[in-house]
Amino acid sequence: MRDLNGMHPAQWANLVGYYVVGLPVAGLLAFRYHLGAVGLWRGLSLGLAIVAVTLVHRFERRSRGSVARVA
C-alpha cells in the first residue's frame, strides 16, 4: 500500500472497521445479548473482515492500471 501512496486510507479503514463497527458490535453482542467472550470475538472479527475487504478492494482498484502496464 505504501507504494501506491495509500497509507492514510488504510488508517481510516482500520479506524472505521475496528472502532466504529467492530467494538460497538462486540459490546452489543457480549453485554446486551449476553454472549460474553464469544460476542467480543465475533464483533472484532466482523471489524477485521470489514477492514480486509475494504483494503483488498482498494488495492485491486488502485493497482489495476499498474498490472496492465507491466503485463
N, C-alpha and C. Protein backbone atom coordinates (compact mmCIF):
# COMPACT_ATOMS: atom_id res chain seq x y z
N MET A 1 0.82 -1.19 0.00
CA MET A 1 0.00 0.00 0.00
C MET A 1 0.87 1.26 0.00
N ARG A 2 2.06 1.18 0.58
CA ARG A 2 2.90 2.36 0.64
C ARG A 2 3.33 2.80 -0.75
N ASP A 3 3.58 1.84 -1.64
CA ASP A 3 3.99 2.20 -2.99
C ASP A 3 2.86 2.84 -3.79
N LEU A 4 1.65 2.57 -3.43
CA LEU A 4 0.51 3.15 -4.12
C LEU A 4 0.04 4.44 -3.47
N ASN A 5 0.88 5.00 -2.59
CA ASN A 5 0.55 6.26 -1.91
C ASN A 5 -0.77 6.13 -1.15
N GLY A 6 -0.88 5.07 -0.37
CA GLY A 6 -2.17 4.82 0.24
C GLY A 6 -2.14 4.51 1.72
N MET A 7 -1.32 5.19 2.50
CA MET A 7 -1.27 4.90 3.93
C MET A 7 -2.44 5.52 4.68
N HIS A 8 -2.85 6.71 4.31
CA HIS A 8 -3.93 7.36 5.05
C HIS A 8 -5.28 6.65 4.88
N PRO A 9 -5.64 6.20 3.69
CA PRO A 9 -6.89 5.45 3.58
C PRO A 9 -6.86 4.14 4.37
N ALA A 10 -5.70 3.51 4.48
CA ALA A 10 -5.59 2.29 5.28
C ALA A 10 -5.82 2.60 6.75
N GLN A 11 -5.32 3.73 7.21
CA GLN A 11 -5.55 4.14 8.59
C GLN A 11 -7.03 4.39 8.84
N TRP A 12 -7.69 5.04 7.89
CA TRP A 12 -9.12 5.30 8.04
C TRP A 12 -9.94 4.02 8.00
N ALA A 13 -9.52 3.07 7.15
CA ALA A 13 -10.23 1.79 7.09
C ALA A 13 -10.13 1.07 8.42
N ASN A 14 -8.94 1.10 9.05
CA ASN A 14 -8.78 0.48 10.36
C ASN A 14 -9.60 1.19 11.42
N LEU A 15 -9.60 2.50 11.40
CA LEU A 15 -10.36 3.26 12.38
C LEU A 15 -11.86 2.94 12.28
N VAL A 16 -12.38 2.96 11.08
CA VAL A 16 -13.81 2.69 10.90
C VAL A 16 -14.13 1.23 11.18
N GLY A 17 -13.31 0.32 10.65
CA GLY A 17 -13.60 -1.10 10.80
C GLY A 17 -13.58 -1.57 12.24
N TYR A 18 -12.57 -1.12 12.99
CA TYR A 18 -12.44 -1.60 14.36
C TYR A 18 -13.21 -0.75 15.37
N TYR A 19 -13.06 0.57 15.30
CA TYR A 19 -13.61 1.41 16.36
C TYR A 19 -15.05 1.85 16.11
N VAL A 20 -15.44 2.00 14.86
CA VAL A 20 -16.81 2.44 14.56
C VAL A 20 -17.75 1.25 14.43
N VAL A 21 -17.24 0.13 13.88
CA VAL A 21 -18.09 -1.04 13.67
C VAL A 21 -17.76 -2.15 14.66
N GLY A 22 -16.51 -2.58 14.72
CA GLY A 22 -16.13 -3.76 15.49
C GLY A 22 -16.39 -3.67 16.98
N LEU A 23 -15.92 -2.62 17.62
CA LEU A 23 -16.11 -2.51 19.07
C LEU A 23 -17.56 -2.32 19.49
N PRO A 24 -18.33 -1.47 18.83
CA PRO A 24 -19.75 -1.39 19.23
C PRO A 24 -20.51 -2.69 19.04
N VAL A 25 -20.26 -3.38 17.93
CA VAL A 25 -20.93 -4.66 17.71
C VAL A 25 -20.48 -5.67 18.76
N ALA A 26 -19.18 -5.68 19.06
CA ALA A 26 -18.66 -6.58 20.09
C ALA A 26 -19.31 -6.30 21.44
N GLY A 27 -19.44 -5.03 21.79
CA GLY A 27 -20.09 -4.68 23.05
C GLY A 27 -21.55 -5.09 23.09
N LEU A 28 -22.25 -4.87 21.99
CA LEU A 28 -23.66 -5.29 21.94
C LEU A 28 -23.80 -6.80 22.08
N LEU A 29 -23.00 -7.53 21.33
CA LEU A 29 -23.11 -8.98 21.38
C LEU A 29 -22.71 -9.53 22.75
N ALA A 30 -21.66 -8.97 23.32
CA ALA A 30 -21.15 -9.50 24.58
C ALA A 30 -22.05 -9.16 25.77
N PHE A 31 -22.50 -7.91 25.84
CA PHE A 31 -23.18 -7.47 27.05
C PHE A 31 -24.70 -7.37 26.89
N ARG A 32 -25.15 -6.88 25.78
CA ARG A 32 -26.61 -6.76 25.59
C ARG A 32 -27.25 -8.10 25.30
N TYR A 33 -26.58 -8.91 24.47
CA TYR A 33 -27.13 -10.22 24.11
C TYR A 33 -26.50 -11.36 24.89
N HIS A 34 -25.71 -11.02 25.89
CA HIS A 34 -25.16 -11.98 26.86
C HIS A 34 -24.37 -13.12 26.22
N LEU A 35 -23.56 -12.80 25.21
CA LEU A 35 -22.73 -13.83 24.59
C LEU A 35 -21.33 -13.89 25.20
N GLY A 36 -20.98 -12.90 26.01
CA GLY A 36 -19.69 -12.91 26.70
C GLY A 36 -18.51 -12.79 25.74
N ALA A 37 -17.49 -13.60 25.99
CA ALA A 37 -16.26 -13.53 25.19
C ALA A 37 -16.51 -13.90 23.73
N VAL A 38 -17.45 -14.78 23.50
CA VAL A 38 -17.78 -15.16 22.11
C VAL A 38 -18.30 -13.94 21.35
N GLY A 39 -19.11 -13.12 21.99
CA GLY A 39 -19.61 -11.91 21.36
C GLY A 39 -18.51 -10.91 21.07
N LEU A 40 -17.56 -10.80 22.00
CA LEU A 40 -16.42 -9.91 21.75
C LEU A 40 -15.63 -10.37 20.53
N TRP A 41 -15.36 -11.65 20.45
CA TRP A 41 -14.60 -12.19 19.31
C TRP A 41 -15.36 -12.01 18.01
N ARG A 42 -16.66 -12.24 18.03
CA ARG A 42 -17.44 -12.09 16.80
C ARG A 42 -17.48 -10.64 16.33
N GLY A 43 -17.63 -9.72 17.24
CA GLY A 43 -17.65 -8.31 16.87
C GLY A 43 -16.32 -7.84 16.31
N LEU A 44 -15.23 -8.23 16.96
CA LEU A 44 -13.92 -7.83 16.47
C LEU A 44 -13.58 -8.55 15.17
N SER A 45 -14.07 -9.77 15.00
CA SER A 45 -13.87 -10.47 13.73
C SER A 45 -14.62 -9.78 12.60
N LEU A 46 -15.79 -9.28 12.90
CA LEU A 46 -16.54 -8.51 11.90
C LEU A 46 -15.75 -7.27 11.49
N GLY A 47 -15.17 -6.57 12.47
CA GLY A 47 -14.35 -5.41 12.16
C GLY A 47 -13.16 -5.77 11.29
N LEU A 48 -12.51 -6.88 11.61
CA LEU A 48 -11.37 -7.34 10.81
C LEU A 48 -11.80 -7.66 9.39
N ALA A 49 -12.94 -8.31 9.23
CA ALA A 49 -13.43 -8.65 7.90
C ALA A 49 -13.73 -7.39 7.08
N ILE A 50 -14.29 -6.39 7.73
CA ILE A 50 -14.59 -5.14 7.02
C ILE A 50 -13.31 -4.46 6.56
N VAL A 51 -12.31 -4.43 7.43
CA VAL A 51 -11.03 -3.82 7.06
C VAL A 51 -10.39 -4.60 5.92
N ALA A 52 -10.40 -5.91 6.00
CA ALA A 52 -9.77 -6.73 4.96
C ALA A 52 -10.45 -6.54 3.60
N VAL A 53 -11.76 -6.58 3.58
CA VAL A 53 -12.48 -6.41 2.31
C VAL A 53 -12.24 -5.02 1.74
N THR A 54 -12.26 -4.01 2.60
CA THR A 54 -12.03 -2.64 2.14
C THR A 54 -10.64 -2.48 1.55
N LEU A 55 -9.62 -2.99 2.23
CA LEU A 55 -8.26 -2.81 1.74
C LEU A 55 -7.97 -3.64 0.50
N VAL A 56 -8.51 -4.85 0.41
CA VAL A 56 -8.31 -5.65 -0.80
C VAL A 56 -9.00 -4.98 -1.98
N HIS A 57 -10.20 -4.48 -1.77
CA HIS A 57 -10.92 -3.79 -2.84
C HIS A 57 -10.14 -2.56 -3.31
N ARG A 58 -9.62 -1.79 -2.37
CA ARG A 58 -8.87 -0.59 -2.72
C ARG A 58 -7.58 -0.95 -3.44
N PHE A 59 -6.89 -1.99 -2.97
CA PHE A 59 -5.66 -2.41 -3.61
C PHE A 59 -5.90 -2.85 -5.05
N GLU A 60 -6.95 -3.64 -5.27
CA GLU A 60 -7.26 -4.09 -6.63
C GLU A 60 -7.62 -2.92 -7.53
N ARG A 61 -8.37 -1.99 -7.00
CA ARG A 61 -8.77 -0.83 -7.80
C ARG A 61 -7.57 0.06 -8.13
N ARG A 62 -6.68 0.27 -7.15
CA ARG A 62 -5.53 1.15 -7.37
C ARG A 62 -4.45 0.51 -8.22
N SER A 63 -4.29 -0.81 -8.13
CA SER A 63 -3.20 -1.46 -8.84
C SER A 63 -3.61 -1.98 -10.22
N ARG A 64 -4.85 -1.82 -10.59
CA ARG A 64 -5.33 -2.34 -11.88
C ARG A 64 -4.54 -1.75 -13.05
N GLY A 65 -4.28 -0.49 -13.05
CA GLY A 65 -3.52 0.14 -14.15
C GLY A 65 -2.06 -0.27 -14.13
N SER A 66 -1.47 -0.43 -12.97
CA SER A 66 -0.06 -0.80 -12.87
C SER A 66 0.17 -2.21 -13.40
N VAL A 67 -0.72 -3.12 -13.08
CA VAL A 67 -0.57 -4.50 -13.54
C VAL A 67 -0.74 -4.57 -15.05
N ALA A 68 -1.67 -3.81 -15.58
CA ALA A 68 -1.91 -3.83 -17.02
C ALA A 68 -0.70 -3.29 -17.79
N ARG A 69 0.00 -2.30 -17.24
CA ARG A 69 1.16 -1.75 -17.92
C ARG A 69 2.33 -2.73 -17.92
N VAL A 70 2.50 -3.48 -16.83
CA VAL A 70 3.62 -4.41 -16.72
C VAL A 70 3.39 -5.62 -17.61
N ALA A 71 2.17 -6.11 -17.65
CA ALA A 71 1.87 -7.34 -18.39
C ALA A 71 1.86 -7.16 -19.87
